[in-house]
Amino acid sequence: MNAFQSNELQDVWGRVQGWPEDLQASLASRILSSLGHEPASPRKPLADLVGILAGDTPPPTDEQVRQILEEERTRKYG
């Protein structure tokens, strides 16, 4: 990359970094598509992902965690 390309890249980046994330992602997708790459799946907002690993039961208590760890150590190291 020569100095002109580097300056041009910095100029474009300076304009784009102030855009909302969805517009940045759209631009990135269009650039990748123009290169023959398939764009990655769209990013999900964090609010949609919160609780995705939550189960139906409450989390273990500190004492239950200590017991689980002790059992695993005993199983692993005897």
PDB file of N, CA and C in Angstrom:
ATOM      1  N   MET A   1       0.856  -1.163   0.000  1.00  0.00           N
ATOM      2  CA  MET A   1       0.000   0.000   0.000  1.00  0.00           C
ATOM      3  C   MET A   1       0.905   1.229   0.000  1.00  0.00           C
ATOM      4  N   ASN A   2       0.616   2.130  -0.915  1.00  0.00           N
ATOM      5  CA  ASN A   2       1.436   3.347  -0.972  1.00  0.00           C
ATOM      6  C   ASN A   2       0.848   4.427  -0.065  1.00  0.00           C
ATOM      7  N   ALA A   3       1.538   5.556   0.030  1.00  0.00           N
ATOM      8  CA  ALA A   3       1.134   6.628   0.942  1.00  0.00           C
ATOM      9  C   ALA A   3      -0.239   7.182   0.567  1.00  0.00           C
ATOM     10  N   PHE A   4      -0.528   7.294  -0.740  1.00  0.00           N
ATOM     11  CA  PHE A   4      -1.827   7.800  -1.165  1.00  0.00           C
ATOM     12  C   PHE A   4      -2.940   6.870  -0.698  1.00  0.00           C
ATOM     13  N   GLN A   5      -2.762   5.576  -0.903  1.00  0.00           N
ATOM     14  CA  GLN A   5      -3.779   4.612  -0.485  1.00  0.00           C
ATOM     15  C   GLN A   5      -3.965   4.635   1.024  1.00  0.00           C
ATOM     16  N   SER A   6      -2.860   4.754   1.749  1.00  0.00           N
ATOM     17  CA  SER A   6      -2.932   4.805   3.197  1.00  0.00           C
ATOM     18  C   SER A   6      -3.711   6.030   3.659  1.00  0.00           C
ATOM     19  N   ASN A   7      -3.439   7.185   3.055  1.00  0.00           N
ATOM     20  CA  ASN A   7      -4.160   8.413   3.406  1.00  0.00           C
ATOM     21  C   ASN A   7      -5.642   8.297   3.052  1.00  0.00           C
ATOM     22  N   GLU A   8      -5.925   7.705   1.911  1.00  0.00           N
ATOM     23  CA  GLU A   8      -7.314   7.542   1.492  1.00  0.00           C
ATOM     24  C   GLU A   8      -8.049   6.597   2.443  1.00  0.00           C
ATOM     25  N   LEU A   9      -7.384   5.539   2.839  1.00  0.00           N
ATOM     26  CA  LEU A   9      -7.977   4.591   3.787  1.00  0.00           C
ATOM     27  C   LEU A   9      -8.261   5.280   5.120  1.00  0.00           C
ATOM     28  N   GLN A  10      -7.316   6.076   5.607  1.00  0.00           N
ATOM     29  CA  GLN A  10      -7.517   6.811   6.853  1.00  0.00           C
ATOM     30  C   GLN A  10      -8.681   7.795   6.728  1.00  0.00           C
ATOM     31  N   ASP A  11      -8.808   8.438   5.568  1.00  0.00           N
ATOM     32  CA  ASP A  11      -9.905   9.378   5.340  1.00  0.00           C
ATOM     33  C   ASP A  11     -11.257   8.658   5.388  1.00  0.00           C
ATOM     34  N   VAL A  12     -11.345   7.530   4.719  1.00  0.00           N
ATOM     35  CA  VAL A  12     -12.599   6.755   4.730  1.00  0.00           C
ATOM     36  C   VAL A  12     -12.901   6.282   6.141  1.00  0.00           C
ATOM     37  N   TRP A  13     -11.902   5.762   6.828  1.00  0.00           N
ATOM     38  CA  TRP A  13     -12.117   5.290   8.201  1.00  0.00           C
ATOM     39  C   TRP A  13     -12.587   6.419   9.111  1.00  0.00           C
ATOM     40  N   GLY A  14     -12.016   7.610   8.928  1.00  0.00           N
ATOM     41  CA  GLY A  14     -12.427   8.758   9.727  1.00  0.00           C
ATOM     42  C   GLY A  14     -13.895   9.107   9.529  1.00  0.00           C
ATOM     43  N   ARG A  15     -14.385   8.921   8.315  1.00  0.00           N
ATOM     44  CA  ARG A  15     -15.803   9.186   8.047  1.00  0.00           C
ATOM     45  C   ARG A  15     -16.695   8.076   8.607  1.00  0.00           C
ATOM     46  N   VAL A  16     -16.272   6.848   8.448  1.00  0.00           N
ATOM     47  CA  VAL A  16     -17.117   5.694   8.771  1.00  0.00           C
ATOM     48  C   VAL A  16     -17.208   5.437  10.268  1.00  0.00           C
ATOM     49  N   GLN A  17     -16.162   5.690  11.031  1.00  0.00           N
ATOM     50  CA  GLN A  17     -16.178   5.307  12.436  1.00  0.00           C
ATOM     51  C   GLN A  17     -17.212   6.072  13.249  1.00  0.00           C
ATOM     52  N   GLY A  18     -17.725   7.165  12.745  1.00  0.00           N
ATOM     53  CA  GLY A  18     -18.777   7.885  13.436  1.00  0.00           C
ATOM     54  C   GLY A  18     -20.183   7.400  13.090  1.00  0.00           C
ATOM     55  N   TRP A  19     -20.274   6.495  12.128  1.00  0.00           N
ATOM     56  CA  TRP A  19     -21.570   5.966  11.714  1.00  0.00           C
ATOM     57  C   TRP A  19     -22.124   5.024  12.775  1.00  0.00           C
ATOM     58  N   PRO A  20     -23.445   4.823  12.778  1.00  0.00           N
ATOM     59  CA  PRO A  20     -24.036   3.799  13.652  1.00  0.00           C
ATOM     60  C   PRO A  20     -23.530   2.406  13.237  1.00  0.00           C
ATOM     61  N   GLU A  21     -23.515   1.481  14.196  1.00  0.00           N
ATOM     62  CA  GLU A  21     -22.962   0.146  13.931  1.00  0.00           C
ATOM     63  C   GLU A  21     -23.649  -0.561  12.779  1.00  0.00           C
ATOM     64  N   ASP A  22     -24.970  -0.399  12.641  1.00  0.00           N
ATOM     65  CA  ASP A  22     -25.661  -1.114  11.562  1.00  0.00           C
ATOM     66  C   ASP A  22     -25.209  -0.619  10.190  1.00  0.00           C
ATOM     67  N   LEU A  23     -24.925   0.673  10.072  1.00  0.00           N
ATOM     68  CA  LEU A  23     -24.420   1.186   8.791  1.00  0.00           C
ATOM     69  C   LEU A  23     -22.993   0.718   8.536  1.00  0.00           C
ATOM     70  N   GLN A  24     -22.169   0.675   9.582  1.00  0.00           N
ATOM     71  CA  GLN A  24     -20.808   0.158   9.416  1.00  0.00           C
ATOM     72  C   GLN A  24     -20.844  -1.298   8.969  1.00  0.00           C
ATOM     73  N   ALA A  25     -21.714  -2.089   9.602  1.00  0.00           N
ATOM     74  CA  ALA A  25     -21.831  -3.510   9.246  1.00  0.00           C
ATOM     75  C   ALA A  25     -22.330  -3.669   7.817  1.00  0.00           C
ATOM     76  N   SER A  26     -23.262  -2.815   7.409  1.00  0.00           N
ATOM     77  CA  SER A  26     -23.776  -2.869   6.047  1.00  0.00           C
ATOM     78  C   SER A  26     -22.679  -2.571   5.035  1.00  0.00           C
ATOM     79  N   LEU A  27     -21.870  -1.562   5.323  1.00  0.00           N
ATOM     80  CA  LEU A  27     -20.764  -1.220   4.434  1.00  0.00           C
ATOM     81  C   LEU A  27     -19.758  -2.372   4.363  1.00  0.00           C
ATOM     82  N   ALA A  28     -19.423  -2.931   5.524  1.00  0.00           N
ATOM     83  CA  ALA A  28     -18.474  -4.050   5.548  1.00  0.00           C
ATOM     84  C   ALA A  28     -19.014  -5.230   4.742  1.00  0.00           C
ATOM     85  N   SER A  29     -20.293  -5.504   4.874  1.00  0.00           N
ATOM     86  CA  SER A  29     -20.915  -6.594   4.129  1.00  0.00           C
ATOM     87  C   SER A  29     -20.836  -6.343   2.622  1.00  0.00           C
ATOM     88  N   ARG A  30     -21.104  -5.111   2.224  1.00  0.00           N
ATOM     89  CA  ARG A  30     -21.035  -4.778   0.794  1.00  0.00           C
ATOM     90  C   ARG A  30     -19.617  -4.895   0.266  1.00  0.00           C
ATOM     91  N   ILE A  31     -18.643  -4.471   1.073  1.00  0.00           N
ATOM     92  CA  ILE A  31     -17.240  -4.586   0.643  1.00  0.00           C
ATOM     93  C   ILE A  31     -16.868  -6.056   0.480  1.00  0.00           C
ATOM     94  N   LEU A  32     -17.202  -6.890   1.461  1.00  0.00           N
ATOM     95  CA  LEU A  32     -16.876  -8.315   1.376  1.00  0.00           C
ATOM     96  C   LEU A  32     -17.586  -8.978   0.202  1.00  0.00           C
ATOM     97  N   SER A  33     -18.832  -8.607  -0.034  1.00  0.00           N
ATOM     98  CA  SER A  33     -19.579  -9.170  -1.163  1.00  0.00           C
ATOM     99  C   SER A  33     -18.914  -8.810  -2.488  1.00  0.00           C
ATOM    100  N   SER A  34     -18.397  -7.584  -2.569  1.00  0.00           N
ATOM    101  CA  SER A  34     -17.749  -7.165  -3.814  1.00  0.00           C
ATOM    102  C   SER A  34     -16.457  -7.937  -4.060  1.00  0.00           C
ATOM    103  N   LEU A  35     -15.893  -8.506  -2.994  1.00  0.00           N
ATOM    104  CA  LEU A  35     -14.661  -9.292  -3.130  1.00  0.00           C
ATOM    105  C   LEU A  35     -14.949 -10.770  -3.359  1.00  0.00           C
ATOM    106  N   GLY A  36     -16.234 -11.127  -3.366  1.00  0.00           N
ATOM    107  CA  GLY A  36     -16.616 -12.510  -3.585  1.00  0.00           C
ATOM    108  C   GLY A  36     -16.745 -13.309  -2.312  1.00  0.00           C
ATOM    109  N   HIS A  37     -16.712 -12.660  -1.157  1.00  0.00           N
ATOM    110  CA  HIS A  37     -16.867 -13.352   0.116  1.00  0.00           C
ATOM    111  C   HIS A  37     -18.317 -13.251   0.559  1.00  0.00           C
ATOM    112  N   GLU A  38     -18.778 -14.304   1.189  1.00  0.00           N
ATOM    113  CA  GLU A  38     -20.111 -14.268   1.774  1.00  0.00           C
ATOM    114  C   GLU A  38     -20.038 -13.511   3.086  1.00  0.00           C
ATOM    115  N   PRO A  39     -20.935 -12.585   3.319  1.00  0.00           N
ATOM    116  CA  PRO A  39     -20.918 -11.868   4.600  1.00  0.00           C
ATOM    117  C   PRO A  39     -21.287 -12.793   5.742  1.00  0.00           C
ATOM    118  N   ALA A  40     -20.762 -12.494   6.905  1.00  0.00           N
ATOM    119  CA  ALA A  40     -21.091 -13.266   8.099  1.00  0.00           C
ATOM    120  C   ALA A  40     -22.546 -13.013   8.458  1.00  0.00           C
ATOM    121  N   SER A  41     -23.087 -13.896   9.266  1.00  0.00           N
ATOM    122  CA  SER A  41     -24.469 -13.700   9.683  1.00  0.00           C
ATOM    123  C   SER A  41     -24.579 -12.392  10.447  1.00  0.00           C
ATOM    124  N   PRO A  42     -25.734 -11.753  10.364  1.00  0.00           N
ATOM    125  CA  PRO A  42     -25.883 -10.464  11.051  1.00  0.00           C
ATOM    126  C   PRO A  42     -25.673 -10.601  12.552  1.00  0.00           C
ATOM    127  N   ARG A  43     -25.101  -9.578  13.139  1.00  0.00           N
ATOM    128  CA  ARG A  43     -24.871  -9.589  14.583  1.00  0.00           C
ATOM    129  C   ARG A  43     -26.179  -9.336  15.300  1.00  0.00           C
ATOM    130  N   LYS A  44     -26.360 -10.036  16.407  1.00  0.00           N
ATOM    131  CA  LYS A  44     -27.554  -9.849  17.208  1.00  0.00           C
ATOM    132  C   LYS A  44     -27.258  -8.842  18.306  1.00  0.00           C
ATOM    133  N   PRO A  45     -28.222  -7.991  18.590  1.00  0.00           N
ATOM    134  CA  PRO A  45     -28.022  -7.054  19.696  1.00  0.00           C
ATOM    135  C   PRO A  45     -27.824  -7.812  21.006  1.00  0.00           C
ATOM    136  N   LEU A  46     -27.019  -7.236  21.872  1.00  0.00           N
ATOM    137  CA  LEU A  46     -26.727  -7.866  23.154  1.00  0.00           C
ATOM    138  C   LEU A  46     -28.000  -8.187  23.925  1.00  0.00           C
ATOM    139  N   ALA A  47     -28.990  -7.319  23.841  1.00  0.00           N
ATOM    140  CA  ALA A  47     -30.243  -7.551  24.567  1.00  0.00           C
ATOM    141  C   ALA A  47     -30.910  -8.851  24.130  1.00  0.00           C
ATOM    142  N   ASP A  48     -30.725  -9.257  22.860  1.00  0.00           N
ATOM    143  CA  ASP A  48     -31.308 -10.504  22.374  1.00  0.00           C
ATOM    144  C   ASP A  48     -30.555 -11.719  22.904  1.00  0.00           C
ATOM    145  N   LEU A  49     -29.296 -11.521  23.292  1.00  0.00           N
ATOM    146  CA  LEU A  49     -28.470 -12.645  23.726  1.00  0.00           C
ATOM    147  C   LEU A  49     -28.468 -12.848  25.239  1.00  0.00           C
ATOM    148  N   VAL A  50     -28.853 -11.836  25.969  1.00  0.00           N
ATOM    149  CA  VAL A  50     -28.856 -11.950  27.424  1.00  0.00           C
ATOM    150  C   VAL A  50     -29.809 -13.062  27.833  1.00  0.00           C
ATOM    151  N   GLY A  51     -29.323 -13.953  28.636  1.00  0.00           N
ATOM    152  CA  GLY A  51     -30.153 -15.047  29.119  1.00  0.00           C
ATOM    153  C   GLY A  51     -30.192 -16.248  28.197  1.00  0.00           C
ATOM    154  N   ILE A  52     -29.437 -16.240  27.102  1.00  0.00           N
ATOM    155  CA  ILE A  52     -29.493 -17.348  26.155  1.00  0.00           C
ATOM    156  C   ILE A  52     -29.012 -18.653  26.798  1.00  0.00           C
ATOM    157  N   LEU A  53     -28.118 -18.542  27.773  1.00  0.00           N
ATOM    158  CA  LEU A  53     -27.617 -19.736  28.446  1.00  0.00           C
ATOM    159  C   LEU A  53     -28.345 -20.021  29.754  1.00  0.00           C
ATOM    160  N   ALA A  54     -29.310 -19.197  30.068  1.00  0.00           N
ATOM    161  CA  ALA A  54     -30.036 -19.391  31.321  1.00  0.00           C
ATOM    162  C   ALA A  54     -30.847 -20.681  31.252  1.00  0.00           C
ATOM    163  N   GLY A  55     -30.841 -21.390  32.341  1.00  0.00           N
ATOM    164  CA  GLY A  55     -31.615 -22.618  32.400  1.00  0.00           C
ATOM    165  C   GLY A  55     -32.906 -22.411  33.157  1.00  0.00           C
ATOM    166  N   ASP A  56     -33.601 -23.512  33.411  1.00  0.00           N
ATOM    167  CA  ASP A  56     -34.864 -23.445  34.131  1.00  0.00           C
ATOM    168  C   ASP A  56     -34.661 -23.469  35.639  1.00  0.00           C
ATOM    169  N   THR A  57     -33.451 -23.799  36.073  1.00  0.00           N
ATOM    170  CA  THR A  57     -33.184 -23.903  37.504  1.00  0.00           C
ATOM    171  C   THR A  57     -32.346 -22.714  37.959  1.00  0.00           C
ATOM    172  N   PRO A  58     -32.424 -22.387  39.230  1.00  0.00           N
ATOM    173  CA  PRO A  58     -31.601 -21.273  39.728  1.00  0.00           C
ATOM    174  C   PRO A  58     -30.122 -21.670  39.726  1.00  0.00           C
ATOM    175  N   PRO A  59     -29.233 -20.702  39.691  1.00  0.00           N
ATOM    176  CA  PRO A  59     -27.802 -21.019  39.713  1.00  0.00           C
ATOM    177  C   PRO A  59     -27.422 -21.653  41.049  1.00  0.00           C
ATOM    178  N   PRO A  60     -26.342 -22.429  41.064  1.00  0.00           N
ATOM    179  CA  PRO A  60     -25.937 -23.068  42.315  1.00  0.00           C
ATOM    180  C   PRO A  60     -25.455 -22.042  43.337  1.00  0.00           C
ATOM    181  N   THR A  61     -25.608 -22.393  44.576  1.00  0.00           N
ATOM    182  CA  THR A  61     -25.118 -21.530  45.658  1.00  0.00           C
ATOM    183  C   THR A  61     -23.609 -21.697  45.753  1.00  0.00           C
ATOM    184  N   ASP A  62     -22.972 -20.819  46.525  1.00  0.00           N
ATOM    185  CA  ASP A  62     -21.525 -20.925  46.726  1.00  0.00           C
ATOM    186  C   ASP A  62     -21.162 -22.277  47.323  1.00  0.00           C
ATOM    187  N   GLU A  63     -21.952 -22.725  48.264  1.00  0.00           N
ATOM    188  CA  GLU A  63     -21.679 -24.018  48.899  1.00  0.00           C
ATOM    189  C   GLU A  63     -21.814 -25.164  47.893  1.00  0.00           C
ATOM    190  N   GLN A  64     -22.821 -25.098  47.037  1.00  0.00           N
ATOM    191  CA  GLN A  64     -22.980 -26.143  46.019  1.00  0.00           C
ATOM    192  C   GLN A  64     -21.812 -26.132  45.044  1.00  0.00           C
ATOM    193  N   VAL A  65     -21.328 -24.960  44.685  1.00  0.00           N
ATOM    194  CA  VAL A  65     -20.178 -24.863  43.788  1.00  0.00           C
ATOM    195  C   VAL A  65     -18.947 -25.463  44.454  1.00  0.00           C
ATOM    196  N   ARG A  66     -18.726 -25.153  45.740  1.00  0.00           N
ATOM    197  CA  ARG A  66     -17.585 -25.743  46.464  1.00  0.00           C
ATOM    198  C   ARG A  66     -17.681 -27.271  46.466  1.00  0.00           C
ATOM    199  N   GLN A  67     -18.886 -27.781  46.674  1.00  0.00           N
ATOM    200  CA  GLN A  67     -19.097 -29.230  46.705  1.00  0.00           C
ATOM    201  C   GLN A  67     -18.807 -29.845  45.333  1.00  0.00           C
ATOM    202  N   ILE A  68     -19.282 -29.199  44.281  1.00  0.00           N
ATOM    203  CA  ILE A  68     -19.035 -29.694  42.920  1.00  0.00           C
ATOM    204  C   ILE A  68     -17.546 -29.711  42.628  1.00  0.00           C
ATOM    205  N   LEU A  69     -16.861 -28.637  42.979  1.00  0.00           N
ATOM    206  CA  LEU A  69     -15.418 -28.568  42.740  1.00  0.00           C
ATOM    207  C   LEU A  69     -14.669 -29.652  43.517  1.00  0.00           C
ATOM    208  N   GLU A  70     -15.057 -29.848  44.766  1.00  0.00           N
ATOM    209  CA  GLU A  70     -14.413 -30.879  45.587  1.00  0.00           C
ATOM    210  C   GLU A  70     -14.641 -32.261  44.983  1.00  0.00           C
ATOM    211  N   GLU A  71     -15.853 -32.531  44.539  1.00  0.00           N
ATOM    212  CA  GLU A  71     -16.149 -33.831  43.915  1.00  0.00           C
ATOM    213  C   GLU A  71     -15.329 -34.034  42.646  1.00  0.00           C
ATOM    214  N   GLU A  72     -15.183 -32.981  41.844  1.00  0.00           N
ATOM    215  CA  GLU A  72     -14.405 -33.087  40.617  1.00  0.00           C
ATOM    216  C   GLU A  72     -12.922 -33.284  40.903  1.00  0.00           C
ATOM    217  N   ARG A  73     -12.414 -32.600  41.922  1.00  0.00           N
ATOM    218  CA  ARG A  73     -11.002 -32.796  42.303  1.00  0.00           C
ATOM    219  C   ARG A  73     -10.770 -34.220  42.787  1.00  0.00           C
ATOM    220  N   THR A  74     -11.711 -34.710  43.584  1.00  0.00           N
ATOM    221  CA  THR A  74     -11.585 -36.081  44.087  1.00  0.00           C
ATOM    222  C   THR A  74     -11.635 -37.074  42.937  1.00  0.00           C
ATOM    223  N   ARG A  75     -12.555 -36.850  41.997  1.00  0.00           N
ATOM    224  CA  ARG A  75     -12.663 -37.746  40.840  1.00  0.00           C
ATOM    225  C   ARG A  75     -11.393 -37.703  40.000  1.00  0.00           C
ATOM    226  N   LYS A  76     -10.849 -36.505  39.810  1.00  0.00           N
ATOM    227  CA  LYS A  76      -9.692 -36.354  38.928  1.00  0.00           C
ATOM    228  C   LYS A  76      -8.386 -36.809  39.593  1.00  0.00           C
ATOM    229  N   TYR A  77      -8.191 -36.433  40.853  1.00  0.00           N
ATOM    230  CA  TYR A  77      -6.906 -36.699  41.491  1.00  0.00           C
ATOM    231  C   TYR A  77      -6.945 -37.806  42.533  1.00  0.00           C
ATOM    232  N   GLY A  78      -8.134 -38.303  42.832  1.00  0.00           N
ATOM    233  CA  GLY A  78      -8.259 -39.415  43.753  1.00  0.00           C
ATOM    234  C   GLY A  78      -8.255 -39.088  45.198  1.00  0.00           C
TER     235      GLY A  78
END
